[in-house]
Protein backbone atom coordinates (compact mmCIF):
# COMPACT_ATOMS: atom_id res chain seq x y z
CA MET A 1 17.43 -8.40 10.99
CA GLU A 2 14.36 -6.19 9.74
CA TYR A 3 14.43 -2.64 10.03
CA TYR A 4 11.77 -2.36 12.98
CA ASN A 5 14.54 -4.91 14.85
CA ILE A 6 16.42 -2.43 15.62
CA LEU A 7 13.62 0.45 17.35
CA ASN A 8 12.71 -2.82 19.46
CA LEU A 9 9.86 -4.28 17.54
CA LYS A 10 8.80 -7.88 16.57
CA LYS A 11 6.68 -6.25 13.53
CA GLU A 12 6.17 -3.81 11.64
CA PRO A 13 4.09 -1.15 13.55
CA PHE A 14 2.88 1.35 10.70
CA SER A 15 2.39 -1.50 7.31
CA ASN A 16 -0.61 0.53 4.92
CA SER A 17 -2.23 -3.08 4.53
CA PRO A 18 -5.18 -3.31 6.25
CA GLU A 19 -4.46 -5.51 9.81
CA PRO A 20 -7.70 -6.65 11.74
CA GLU A 21 -4.95 -6.68 14.56
CA PHE A 22 -3.54 -3.35 14.75
CA PHE A 23 -7.21 -2.18 13.79
CA PHE A 24 -7.48 0.77 16.96
CA GLU A 25 -11.01 0.82 18.44
CA SER A 26 -11.77 4.71 18.65
CA PRO A 27 -15.00 5.60 19.86
CA LYS A 28 -16.11 6.30 16.18
CA HIS A 29 -14.18 3.03 14.35
CA ILE A 30 -15.79 0.92 17.66
CA GLY A 31 -19.62 2.34 17.02
CA CYS A 32 -19.34 1.79 13.21
CA LEU A 33 -17.83 -2.08 13.97
CA GLN A 34 -20.62 -2.92 16.59
CA LYS A 35 -23.68 -1.78 14.64
CA LEU A 36 -22.48 -2.97 11.21
CA GLU A 37 -21.65 -6.51 13.32
CA LEU A 38 -25.67 -6.42 15.47
CA ALA A 39 -27.29 -5.08 11.20
CA VAL A 40 -25.65 -7.96 10.15
CA ARG A 41 -26.93 -10.69 13.35
CA LEU A 42 -30.02 -9.21 12.92
CA ARG A 43 -30.35 -9.50 9.08
CA ARG A 44 -31.22 -5.78 8.98
CA GLY A 45 -30.61 -5.88 4.96
CA LEU A 46 -28.30 -3.17 3.53
CA ASN A 47 -26.05 -0.77 5.23
CA VAL A 48 -23.68 1.77 4.46
CA VAL A 49 -20.50 3.71 5.81
CA ILE A 50 -19.31 6.76 3.92
CA GLY A 51 -15.55 8.43 4.97
CA ASP A 52 -12.76 10.44 2.90
CA VAL A 53 -9.96 8.47 1.90
CA GLY A 54 -7.94 7.24 4.45
CA THR A 55 -10.16 7.42 7.53
CA GLY A 56 -10.15 3.53 7.78
CA LYS A 57 -12.84 2.23 6.22
CA THR A 58 -10.20 -0.80 4.04
CA THR A 59 -9.08 -1.74 8.24
CA LEU A 60 -12.83 -1.51 9.56
CA CYS A 61 -14.13 -3.92 6.76
CA ARG A 62 -11.36 -6.09 7.02
CA LYS A 63 -11.72 -5.59 11.02
CA LEU A 64 -15.62 -7.05 10.87
CA ILE A 65 -15.31 -9.47 8.50
CA GLN A 66 -12.76 -11.32 11.27
CA GLN A 67 -15.42 -10.51 13.74
CA LEU A 68 -18.44 -12.09 12.02
CA SER A 69 -16.03 -15.21 11.80
CA TYR A 70 -14.25 -14.62 15.64
CA THR A 71 -15.72 -18.29 16.72
CA THR A 72 -16.56 -22.02 15.11
CA ASP A 73 -20.28 -21.27 15.25
CA ASP A 74 -20.08 -17.58 13.52
CA SER A 75 -17.95 -19.50 10.54
CA GLN A 76 -20.50 -22.30 10.41
CA GLU A 77 -23.20 -19.92 10.95
CA ILE A 78 -21.87 -16.36 8.28
CA GLU A 79 -20.63 -16.57 5.03
CA THR A 80 -19.23 -13.25 4.02
CA HIS A 81 -18.01 -12.10 0.82
CA LEU A 82 -15.59 -9.65 -0.58
CA LEU A 83 -16.06 -7.83 -3.59
CA LEU A 84 -12.89 -5.34 -3.50
CA ASP A 85 -13.78 -3.14 -7.17
CA PRO A 86 -17.79 -3.03 -8.35
CA SER A 87 -16.72 -0.88 -11.58
CA PHE A 88 -18.26 -3.04 -13.81
CA ASN A 89 -19.00 -2.68 -17.62
CA ASN A 90 -22.61 -4.09 -17.47
CA SER A 91 -25.68 -4.99 -14.91
CA THR A 92 -25.22 -8.37 -16.78
CA GLU A 93 -21.59 -8.24 -15.34
CA PHE A 94 -21.71 -7.75 -12.63
CA LEU A 95 -24.70 -10.41 -11.71
CA GLN A 96 -21.94 -12.86 -13.05
CA THR A 97 -19.17 -12.10 -10.62
CA THR A 98 -21.87 -12.38 -7.67
CA SER A 99 -22.78 -15.66 -8.91
CA LEU A 100 -19.12 -16.92 -8.89
CA LEU A 101 -18.45 -14.60 -5.64
CA LEU A 102 -21.38 -16.86 -3.56
CA GLY A 103 -20.13 -20.15 -5.08
CA ILE A 104 -22.98 -20.60 -7.43
CA LYS A 105 -21.26 -23.54 -9.97
CA ASP A 106 -21.69 -23.79 -13.39
CA VAL A 107 -22.50 -19.84 -14.63
CA GLU A 108 -23.25 -19.99 -18.34
CA ASP A 109 -22.07 -16.54 -20.05
CA GLN A 110 -25.70 -17.30 -22.24
CA GLU A 111 -27.90 -16.87 -19.75
CA SER A 112 -29.72 -13.74 -19.27
CA GLU A 113 -30.43 -11.35 -16.71
CA TRP A 114 -33.23 -12.94 -15.27
CA GLN A 115 -32.13 -16.23 -15.35
CA LEU A 116 -29.12 -14.61 -12.90
CA LYS A 117 -31.01 -13.29 -10.39
CA GLU A 118 -33.50 -16.26 -10.04
CA ARG A 119 -30.00 -18.21 -9.23
CA ILE A 120 -28.95 -15.94 -6.47
CA LYS A 121 -32.51 -15.69 -5.36
CA ASN A 122 -32.52 -19.50 -4.94
CA TYR A 123 -29.10 -19.79 -3.73
CA LEU A 124 -30.12 -17.31 -1.21
CA PHE A 125 -32.95 -19.40 -0.20
CA SER A 126 -31.65 -22.45 0.11
CA LYS A 127 -28.55 -20.88 2.22
CA GLY A 128 -30.81 -18.72 4.03
CA VAL A 129 -34.09 -20.73 5.07
CA ASN A 130 -33.02 -24.11 3.97
CA GLU A 131 -29.40 -24.49 5.90
CA GLU A 132 -30.17 -21.25 8.11
CA LYS A 133 -27.23 -19.28 7.13
CA ILE A 134 -26.17 -15.40 6.69
CA ILE A 135 -24.84 -14.51 3.90
CA VAL A 136 -23.22 -11.27 3.63
CA LEU A 137 -21.30 -9.23 0.64
CA ILE A 138 -19.28 -6.60 1.45
CA ILE A 139 -18.60 -4.06 -1.44
CA ASP A 140 -15.97 -1.71 -0.82
CA GLU A 141 -15.09 1.66 -3.07
CA GLY A 142 -18.64 1.61 -2.77
CA GLN A 143 -18.74 5.18 -4.88
CA LYS A 144 -17.66 3.01 -8.15
CA ILE A 145 -20.89 0.88 -8.28
CA PRO A 146 -22.55 1.48 -11.51
CA GLU A 147 -26.02 3.26 -11.60
CA ASP A 148 -27.54 -0.61 -12.99
CA CYS A 149 -25.64 -2.15 -10.31
CA LEU A 150 -27.43 -0.25 -7.88
CA GLU A 151 -30.82 -1.27 -8.91
CA ILE A 152 -29.61 -4.88 -8.69
CA LEU A 153 -28.20 -4.33 -5.56
CA ARG A 154 -31.91 -2.83 -4.11
CA GLU A 155 -33.26 -5.71 -6.31
CA PHE A 156 -31.35 -8.29 -4.15
CA LEU A 157 -32.80 -6.49 -1.08
CA ASN A 158 -36.89 -7.95 -1.92
CA TYR A 159 -35.34 -11.76 -1.65
CA GLU A 160 -36.80 -12.33 2.24
CA THR A 161 -38.82 -13.77 4.20
CA ASN A 162 -41.56 -12.41 5.87
CA ASN A 163 -39.02 -12.06 9.71
CA PHE A 164 -35.40 -11.47 7.80
CA LYS A 165 -34.07 -10.46 4.60
CA LEU A 166 -32.13 -13.15 2.71
CA LEU A 167 -28.63 -11.35 1.36
CA GLN A 168 -26.50 -8.90 4.24
CA ILE A 169 -25.26 -6.29 1.90
CA ILE A 170 -22.85 -3.75 3.22
CA ILE A 171 -21.21 -0.62 1.32
CA PHE A 172 -17.39 1.06 2.12
CA ALA A 173 -17.54 4.00 -0.18
CA GLN A 174 -15.96 7.26 -0.38
CA LYS A 175 -17.72 10.90 0.30
CA GLU A 176 -19.36 11.21 -2.79
CA PHE A 177 -21.52 8.16 -2.40
CA LYS A 178 -23.38 10.55 -0.57
CA LYS A 179 -25.03 12.26 -3.26
CA ILE A 180 -25.94 9.21 -5.56
CA LEU A 181 -27.37 7.94 -2.73
CA HIS A 182 -29.41 11.02 -2.49
CA ASN A 183 -30.36 10.95 -5.96
CA ARG A 184 -31.40 7.49 -5.36
CA SER A 185 -34.46 7.39 -2.59
CA ASN A 186 -36.18 3.67 -3.47
CA LEU A 187 -32.56 3.07 -2.43
CA SER A 188 -31.19 4.98 0.47
CA ASP A 189 -34.54 4.26 2.26
CA ARG A 190 -34.10 0.70 2.69
CA ILE A 191 -30.78 1.88 4.12
CA ASN A 192 -30.92 0.07 8.17
CA THR A 193 -27.61 1.95 8.84
CA LEU A 194 -25.87 4.81 7.56
CA TYR A 195 -22.69 5.95 9.20
CA TYR A 196 -20.15 8.63 8.33
CA LEU A 197 -16.85 8.17 9.56
CA LYS A 198 -14.74 11.11 10.76
CA PRO A 199 -10.88 11.63 11.18
CA LEU A 200 -9.32 11.19 14.82
CA ASN A 201 -8.60 13.98 16.90
CA PHE A 202 -5.93 14.27 18.34
CA GLN A 203 -6.44 12.73 21.72
CA GLN A 204 -7.41 9.68 19.33
CA THR A 205 -4.60 9.83 17.44
CA ARG A 206 -2.18 9.88 19.83
CA ALA A 207 -3.71 6.73 21.58
CA MET A 208 -3.86 4.99 17.79
CA ILE A 209 -0.04 5.64 17.56
CA ASN A 210 0.93 3.53 21.09
CA TYR A 211 -1.69 1.09 21.03
CA ARG A 212 0.16 0.10 17.36
CA ILE A 213 3.43 -0.04 18.52
CA SER A 214 2.52 -1.20 21.93
CA VAL A 215 1.17 -4.82 19.21
CA ALA A 216 4.27 -4.26 17.53
CA ARG A 217 6.13 -4.72 20.65
CA ASP A 218 3.71 -8.04 21.65
CA LEU A 219 2.10 -5.21 24.46
CA GLU A 220 6.11 -5.50 26.57
CA LYS A 221 6.57 -2.34 27.94
CA ALA A 222 9.45 -0.09 26.36
CA SER A 223 10.49 3.51 25.78
CA ALA A 224 7.76 5.83 24.07
CA LEU A 225 9.21 6.23 20.25
CA PHE A 226 7.48 9.66 19.72
CA SER A 227 7.34 12.58 22.13
CA PHE A 228 3.93 14.70 22.83
CA TRP A 229 5.80 17.15 20.56
CA ALA A 230 6.53 14.48 17.94
CA LEU A 231 2.74 13.21 18.37
CA LEU A 232 1.19 16.61 18.09
CA ALA A 233 3.66 17.77 14.46
CA VAL A 234 1.52 14.35 13.86
CA TYR A 235 -2.00 15.43 13.85
CA LEU A 236 -1.16 18.90 13.25
CA THR A 237 0.19 17.44 9.15
CA THR A 238 -2.64 14.36 9.13
CA ASN A 239 -5.92 15.87 10.29
CA GLY A 240 -6.48 12.84 11.95
CA TYR A 241 -6.95 10.97 9.05
CA PRO A 242 -5.33 7.48 10.22
CA ARG A 243 -3.69 6.89 6.74
CA ARG A 244 -1.73 9.55 6.75
CA VAL A 245 -0.97 9.24 10.60
CA VAL A 246 0.40 5.67 9.56
CA SER A 247 1.98 6.84 6.56
CA LEU A 248 3.73 9.60 8.10
CA CYS A 249 5.02 8.04 11.10
CA HIS A 250 6.78 4.80 8.84
CA GLN A 251 8.55 7.20 7.05
CA VAL A 252 9.74 8.54 10.97
CA ILE A 253 10.49 5.26 11.76
CA LEU A 254 12.72 5.16 8.91
CA ALA A 255 14.46 8.61 9.72
CA LEU A 256 14.84 7.59 14.00
CA ILE A 257 16.80 4.03 12.37
CA ILE A 258 19.31 6.87 9.58
CA ARG A 259 19.82 9.12 12.34
CA GLY A 260 20.56 5.98 14.88
CA ARG A 261 17.95 7.63 17.32
CA LYS A 262 15.52 6.30 19.96
CA LYS A 263 12.58 8.74 20.42
CA ALA A 264 11.44 11.31 17.68
CA GLY A 265 10.76 15.03 18.84
CA PHE A 266 8.97 17.91 16.82
CA PHE A 267 11.17 18.98 14.11
CA LEU A 268 12.39 14.83 13.21
CA VAL A 269 8.89 14.55 11.99
CA ARG A 270 8.11 18.18 10.93
CA SER A 271 11.29 16.62 8.14
CA CYS A 272 9.90 13.78 7.50
CA ARG A 273 6.68 15.26 6.50
CA ASP A 274 5.71 14.85 2.72
CA ALA A 275 4.62 17.34 0.57
CA MET A 276 1.32 16.08 0.35
CA PHE A 277 0.62 16.33 3.93
CA ALA A 278 1.55 19.90 4.20
CA PRO A 279 -0.34 22.64 2.09
CA SER A 280 0.22 26.50 2.30
CA PHE A 281 -2.90 27.07 5.09
CA LYS A 282 -1.04 24.24 7.30
CA LYS A 283 1.70 27.07 7.60
CA ILE A 284 0.22 29.33 10.18
CA LYS A 285 -0.19 26.14 12.47
CA TRP A 286 3.65 25.04 12.17
CA ALA A 287 3.77 28.89 13.13
CA VAL A 288 2.04 29.12 16.12
CA VAL A 289 3.42 25.42 17.07
CA SER A 290 6.83 26.63 17.20
CA ILE A 291 6.44 29.99 18.99
CA LEU A 292 5.01 27.65 22.14
CA ILE A 293 7.29 24.98 21.98
CA LEU A 294 9.95 28.09 21.59
CA ILE A 295 8.38 29.70 24.60
CA ALA A 296 7.64 26.16 26.25
CA VAL A 297 11.60 25.86 26.18
CA GLY A 298 12.39 29.24 26.98
CA ILE A 299 10.00 28.45 29.98
CA THR A 300 11.84 25.03 30.95
CA ILE A 301 14.69 26.82 30.40
CA THR A 302 14.53 29.49 33.32
CA ALA A 303 12.93 27.36 36.08
CA ALA A 304 16.32 25.26 35.73
CA ILE A 305 18.76 28.47 36.20
CA LEU A 306 16.34 29.78 38.96
CA GLN A 307 16.78 26.26 40.68
CA TYR A 308 20.27 26.42 40.38
CA ASN A 309 22.42 28.32 42.17
CA ASN A 310 26.05 28.03 40.76
CA ALA A 311 28.18 28.37 37.97
CA ASN A 312 28.06 24.46 37.61
CA ALA A 313 24.39 24.22 37.76
CA TYR A 314 23.70 27.08 35.08
CA LYS A 315 26.07 25.00 33.07
CA GLN A 316 24.20 21.74 33.40
CA ALA A 317 20.90 23.55 32.34
CA ILE A 318 22.29 25.14 29.30
CA VAL A 319 23.31 21.31 28.12
CA ILE A 320 20.48 20.11 28.76
CA LYS A 321 19.21 22.91 26.28
CA HIS A 322 21.19 21.99 23.54
CA ASN A 323 20.23 18.11 23.88
CA SER A 324 16.34 18.83 24.10
CA GLU A 325 14.74 17.34 21.85
CA TYR A 326 12.39 20.43 20.91
CA ILE A 327 15.30 22.22 19.14
CA GLU A 328 16.91 19.18 16.74
CA THR A 329 18.49 20.78 13.88
CA ASN A 330 20.80 18.56 12.87
CA PRO A 331 19.73 17.85 9.25
CA ILE A 332 19.73 13.89 8.43
CA GLN A 333 23.32 12.87 6.13
CA THR A 334 20.94 11.77 2.98
CA HIS A 335 25.11 9.35 2.23
CA SER A 336 25.62 7.99 5.63
CA ILE A 337 24.01 5.74 7.96
CA PRO A 338 25.72 4.89 11.51
CA GLN A 339 27.52 0.94 10.49
CA ALA A 340 25.71 -0.32 14.03
CA SER A 341 22.12 0.04 13.00
CA ILE A 342 22.20 -1.51 9.50
CA SER A 343 23.58 -4.79 8.48
CA PRO A 344 25.77 -3.72 4.80
CA GLU A 345 23.92 -7.21 3.58
CA ASN A 346 20.36 -6.15 4.02
CA ALA A 347 20.34 -2.32 2.49
CA ILE A 348 21.57 -0.28 -0.04
CA SER A 349 22.07 3.17 -0.44
CA LEU A 350 19.34 5.77 -1.94
CA ALA A 351 20.77 9.14 -2.54
CA ILE A 352 17.32 11.15 -1.84
CA PRO A 353 15.94 13.74 1.02
CA ASP A 354 15.85 12.68 3.98
CA LEU A 355 15.73 8.58 3.82
CA ALA A 356 18.68 7.35 2.15
CA ILE A 357 18.72 3.53 3.34
CA LEU A 358 16.27 0.62 2.74
CA GLN A 359 16.70 -2.24 3.53
CA VAL A 360 15.28 -4.71 0.35
CA ASP A 361 15.82 -8.37 -0.18
CA ASN A 362 19.36 -10.41 0.44
CA VAL A 363 20.77 -10.53 -2.73
CA ASP A 364 23.52 -13.11 -4.15
CA ASN A 365 25.24 -10.68 -5.20
CA ASN A 366 28.21 -8.42 -3.09
CA VAL A 367 26.44 -5.31 -3.04
CA ASP A 368 28.47 -3.93 -1.52
CA ASP A 369 32.04 -4.09 -4.15
CA ILE A 370 29.62 -2.86 -7.22
CA LYS A 371 29.98 0.52 -7.89
CA MET A 372 26.26 0.28 -10.15
CA PRO A 373 24.07 3.29 -10.20
CA GLU A 374 22.24 4.38 -7.77
CA TYR A 375 19.13 4.48 -10.05
CA MET A 376 18.19 2.57 -13.71
CA GLY A 377 16.14 5.18 -14.89
CA ARG A 378 13.61 8.12 -14.88
CA LEU A 379 9.59 7.28 -17.03
CA ARG A 380 7.75 9.41 -17.23
CA ILE A 381 3.55 8.28 -16.42
CA GLU A 382 0.50 8.19 -18.71
CA GLN A 383 -2.86 8.06 -17.34
CA GLY A 384 -4.18 5.69 -15.33
CA VAL A 385 -1.44 4.12 -14.17
CA THR A 386 -0.98 2.66 -11.00
CA LEU A 387 2.07 2.45 -8.58
CA SER A 388 1.73 -1.59 -8.96
CA LYS A 389 1.49 -2.22 -11.47
CA ILE A 390 4.96 -0.53 -12.78
CA LEU A 391 6.54 -1.74 -10.25
CA GLN A 392 5.48 -5.56 -11.19
CA ASN A 393 6.39 -4.75 -14.94
CA ILE A 394 10.34 -3.05 -14.04
CA TYR A 395 10.74 -5.02 -11.31
CA GLY A 396 8.54 -8.42 -11.47
CA ARG A 397 7.39 -7.54 -8.14
CA SER A 398 5.22 -5.29 -6.27
CA GLY A 399 5.93 -6.69 -2.37
CA ILE A 400 6.41 -3.93 0.70
CA LYS A 401 9.78 -3.71 0.20
CA THR A 402 10.69 -3.03 -3.02
CA THR A 403 7.15 0.04 -2.63
CA GLN A 404 9.27 1.57 -0.20
CA ALA A 405 12.36 1.84 -1.45
CA VAL A 406 10.62 3.35 -5.15
CA ILE A 407 8.31 5.78 -2.78
CA LEU A 408 11.19 6.95 -0.67
CA ALA A 409 12.58 7.20 -3.98
CA ASN A 410 9.57 9.17 -5.18
CA GLN A 411 7.77 11.95 -2.53
CA GLN A 412 5.84 13.29 -5.22
CA ILE A 413 4.08 9.66 -4.93
CA HIS A 414 0.26 9.75 -3.83
CA GLU A 415 -0.11 7.34 -0.50
CA SER A 416 -3.53 5.55 -2.35
CA GLY A 417 -0.40 3.94 -5.19
CA LYS A 418 -2.42 7.01 -7.48
CA ILE A 419 -0.06 8.60 -9.68
CA ILE A 420 -0.83 12.03 -11.71
CA ALA A 421 0.03 11.42 -15.79
CA GLY A 422 3.00 13.39 -16.65
CA THR A 423 5.18 12.26 -13.32
CA ILE A 424 8.41 11.70 -13.53
CA LEU A 425 9.41 8.35 -11.45
CA ASN A 426 12.93 7.72 -10.47
CA PHE A 427 13.65 3.95 -10.50
CA PRO A 428 16.80 2.36 -8.12
CA SER A 429 18.54 -0.17 -8.53
CA ILE A 430 17.18 -2.85 -6.57
CA PRO A 431 19.05 -6.15 -7.79
CA THR A 432 16.83 -9.34 -7.50
CA SER A 433 17.17 -12.25 -4.87
CA VAL A 434 15.51 -14.79 -7.52
CA LYS A 435 18.01 -16.27 -9.83
CA THR A 436 15.91 -15.37 -12.76
CA ILE A 437 18.83 -16.20 -15.73
CA LYS A 438 20.24 -20.27 -15.28
CA GLU A 439 22.79 -22.05 -16.88
CA GLY A 440 22.36 -24.11 -20.42
CA ARG A 441 19.15 -21.80 -21.17
CA TYR A 442 18.36 -20.34 -23.88
CA PHE A 443 16.71 -16.93 -24.30
CA ILE A 444 14.99 -14.10 -27.30
CA GLN A 445 16.12 -10.81 -27.05
CA ILE A 446 13.70 -8.67 -28.98
CA GLU A 447 14.76 -4.87 -28.38
CA ASN A 448 17.52 -3.51 -26.43
CA GLY A 449 18.80 0.06 -25.49
CA LYS A 450 20.82 2.08 -22.68
CA ALA A 451 17.51 4.42 -22.70
CA MET A 452 14.84 3.31 -20.11
CA GLU A 453 12.41 5.62 -21.09
CA ASP A 454 12.90 4.38 -24.77
CA ILE A 455 13.02 0.25 -24.71
CA TYR A 456 9.90 0.92 -21.49
CA ARG A 457 7.64 3.10 -24.72
CA PHE A 458 9.01 -0.66 -26.87
CA PHE A 459 7.58 -2.86 -24.45
CA LEU A 460 4.43 -0.66 -23.55
CA GLU A 461 3.54 -0.19 -26.65
CA ASN A 462 4.16 -3.32 -28.48
CA SER A 463 2.81 -5.05 -25.70
CA HIS A 464 -0.17 -3.58 -25.21
CA LYS A 465 -0.90 -3.56 -29.21
CA ARG A 466 -0.02 -7.67 -28.83
CA LYS A 467 2.88 -7.10 -32.10
CA ILE A 468 5.19 -9.25 -30.19
CA PRO A 469 4.77 -12.92 -28.00
CA LYS A 470 4.43 -11.97 -24.24
CA SER A 471 7.78 -10.35 -23.13
CA VAL A 472 9.42 -9.01 -20.12
CA PHE A 473 11.76 -5.66 -19.51
CA PHE A 474 14.83 -6.84 -18.71
CA PRO A 475 16.85 -4.16 -16.74
CA TYR A 476 20.32 -5.21 -16.07
CA TRP A 477 23.56 -4.16 -14.80
CA ASN A 478 27.64 -5.46 -15.32
CA GLU A 479 30.56 -3.35 -15.14
CA LYS A 480 31.45 -4.00 -19.11
CA GLU A 481 28.42 -3.28 -20.31
CA GLY A 482 26.30 -1.11 -17.72
CA MET A 483 22.79 -0.55 -17.06
CA THR A 484 21.50 -1.82 -20.02
CA PHE A 485 17.80 -2.02 -20.67
CA ALA A 486 16.57 -5.96 -22.59
CA VAL A 487 12.80 -6.93 -23.75
CA VAL A 488 13.27 -10.84 -23.93
CA VAL A 489 10.41 -13.49 -24.50
CA ASP A 490 8.82 -14.51 -21.80
CA GLU A 491 10.19 -18.27 -22.36
CA TYR A 492 13.17 -19.97 -21.98
CA PHE A 493 14.48 -22.75 -24.66
CA ASP A 494 16.22 -25.20 -23.70
CA ASN A 495 18.56 -25.21 -27.11
CA PRO A 496 19.03 -22.28 -30.10
CA GLN A 497 16.69 -24.71 -32.86
CA SER A 498 14.01 -24.33 -30.54
CA ALA A 499 14.49 -20.18 -30.08
CA GLN A 500 15.20 -20.00 -33.75
CA GLU A 501 11.40 -21.86 -34.31
CA LYS A 502 9.66 -19.42 -32.13
CA ILE A 503 11.58 -16.51 -34.22
CA ASN A 504 10.60 -17.67 -37.42
CA LYS A 505 6.87 -16.88 -36.04
CA LEU A 506 8.08 -12.87 -35.82
CA SER A 507 6.88 -10.94 -37.47
CA ALA A 508 10.07 -9.40 -40.56
CA ALA A 509 10.28 -5.54 -38.49
CA ILE A 510 10.29 -7.45 -35.33
CA LYS A 511 12.52 -9.74 -36.29
CA THR A 512 15.09 -6.95 -37.41
CA LYS A 513 16.50 -6.64 -33.63
CA THR A 514 16.10 -10.08 -32.52
CA LYS A 515 18.65 -12.14 -31.13
CA ILE A 516 19.03 -15.37 -29.13
CA ILE A 517 21.35 -15.86 -25.60
CA SER A 518 22.72 -18.03 -24.61
CA ARG A 519 24.69 -16.60 -21.97
CA TRP A 520 25.23 -13.49 -19.24
CA ASP A 521 28.42 -12.28 -18.32
CA ALA A 522 29.22 -13.73 -14.42
CA ASP A 523 29.35 -10.38 -12.99
CA ILE A 524 25.43 -9.39 -14.40
CA VAL A 525 23.28 -7.95 -11.36
CA VAL A 526 19.52 -8.57 -12.63
CA PHE A 527 16.82 -6.20 -11.20
CA ASN A 528 13.04 -8.05 -12.25
CA SER A 529 13.04 -11.08 -10.18
CA HIS A 530 10.27 -12.48 -12.73
CA VAL A 531 10.53 -16.36 -13.56
CA PHE A 532 10.65 -17.33 -17.07
CA LYS A 533 8.57 -20.26 -17.57
CA ARG A 534 9.60 -22.96 -20.52
CA ASN A 535 9.35 -23.21 -23.33
CA GLU A 536 7.20 -26.82 -24.78
């Protein structure tokens, strides 16, 4: 069972993926979408959307792409191309990438910048004039565009007929792009639409949450998952930034499941807020709202007492008071969960604050009978490393379930997936459902040990410097050896002779600890789902 089924949801309502179906048509976002779509259809050239981190630019971008191909006629008339990361080393690299993105064939590495521009211009003329197509280039993370590439974009705007631009350019960027435009008047003067996305107000935040839940229920009516005060708590925590709203609401949904509850109140949301949502200046907000809530509860209780004239009625009012979600005080149990909420086949226990249980991939091993540690270990993160890359190295996957488990175990992870250098992360023991080790195969183990930090550093350093063949960081556990970390060559061999031939090609320094592994213990639990390739 998926975790959201417990709350009668048919899909995940607060996924961090930019899913167009969950696009909430706030006045700001729908206004921006309409202006962009109109500008594309009228072939007006350059359009720019600027917004702070988490204001919904990426979701808006995906919704625009969907809108531009909504009908069969649209998909035949409009060609949309998305460039996710424009941080190029030079203008030639940018032109080569753009050429390939547009579908220009036979692009040669030795072609000059002028030749590439000519090929793009001729392609756009052929498509725009001869075939009457609208070619759209959408650039996300526009603040990363280098200066020389911005100049090329300006030149692209010169490719035009007497009636329209041959290339429609839409740039989604963070607020620092505003300064870049200010310093490049020759580009900013050509902007058709410049739109600033701002956070949602309280009413819009409330409507967005209810809308996403409604979509997740396929528009079926059901009881609300958030009380008014819970919605207010979400807004105060997030300041109306859509990405933060989605992230916090996801945590609240998980907390509801863990507590076996059906509706979130003010204090439940407050208990789920991440440290990044609550800087010190917000404490005043929380104090004021808490006082207002207590006053509201007091008025409610007083009215109830006055309404009833006998002791039984009075007792009933007191019961209402103590059951009210407004004064919820029960702490989240970090080591237990109602048995009816999540089946043990689909869940493992994570000993972390607030959220202890998370669904993971179904595994062949009987997790309930294995007394393996809840965490594999900890790592100090270096500069420039993303969460996705780390998860790929350690677990062989970076899907939503694995990512959720790691984020729940590390509340210090930024909502964007970026991690501050020096941060120490915990890595929960999440067995893989993929059978990576099969009978009759031989593997080459280059290094192994009990300290996760040491073996992982060995793996990174030697892989980066290419001192070892392409390898896999391979954590595993069994009752005999306990938690073990190995570096294994990314190949399997059909016989020991082939494996030995591979070893003979290694340097003398690497050979010292290398050994051939032909079989693993029957009770081994593997955490990396990487599928080894066959040695040819």
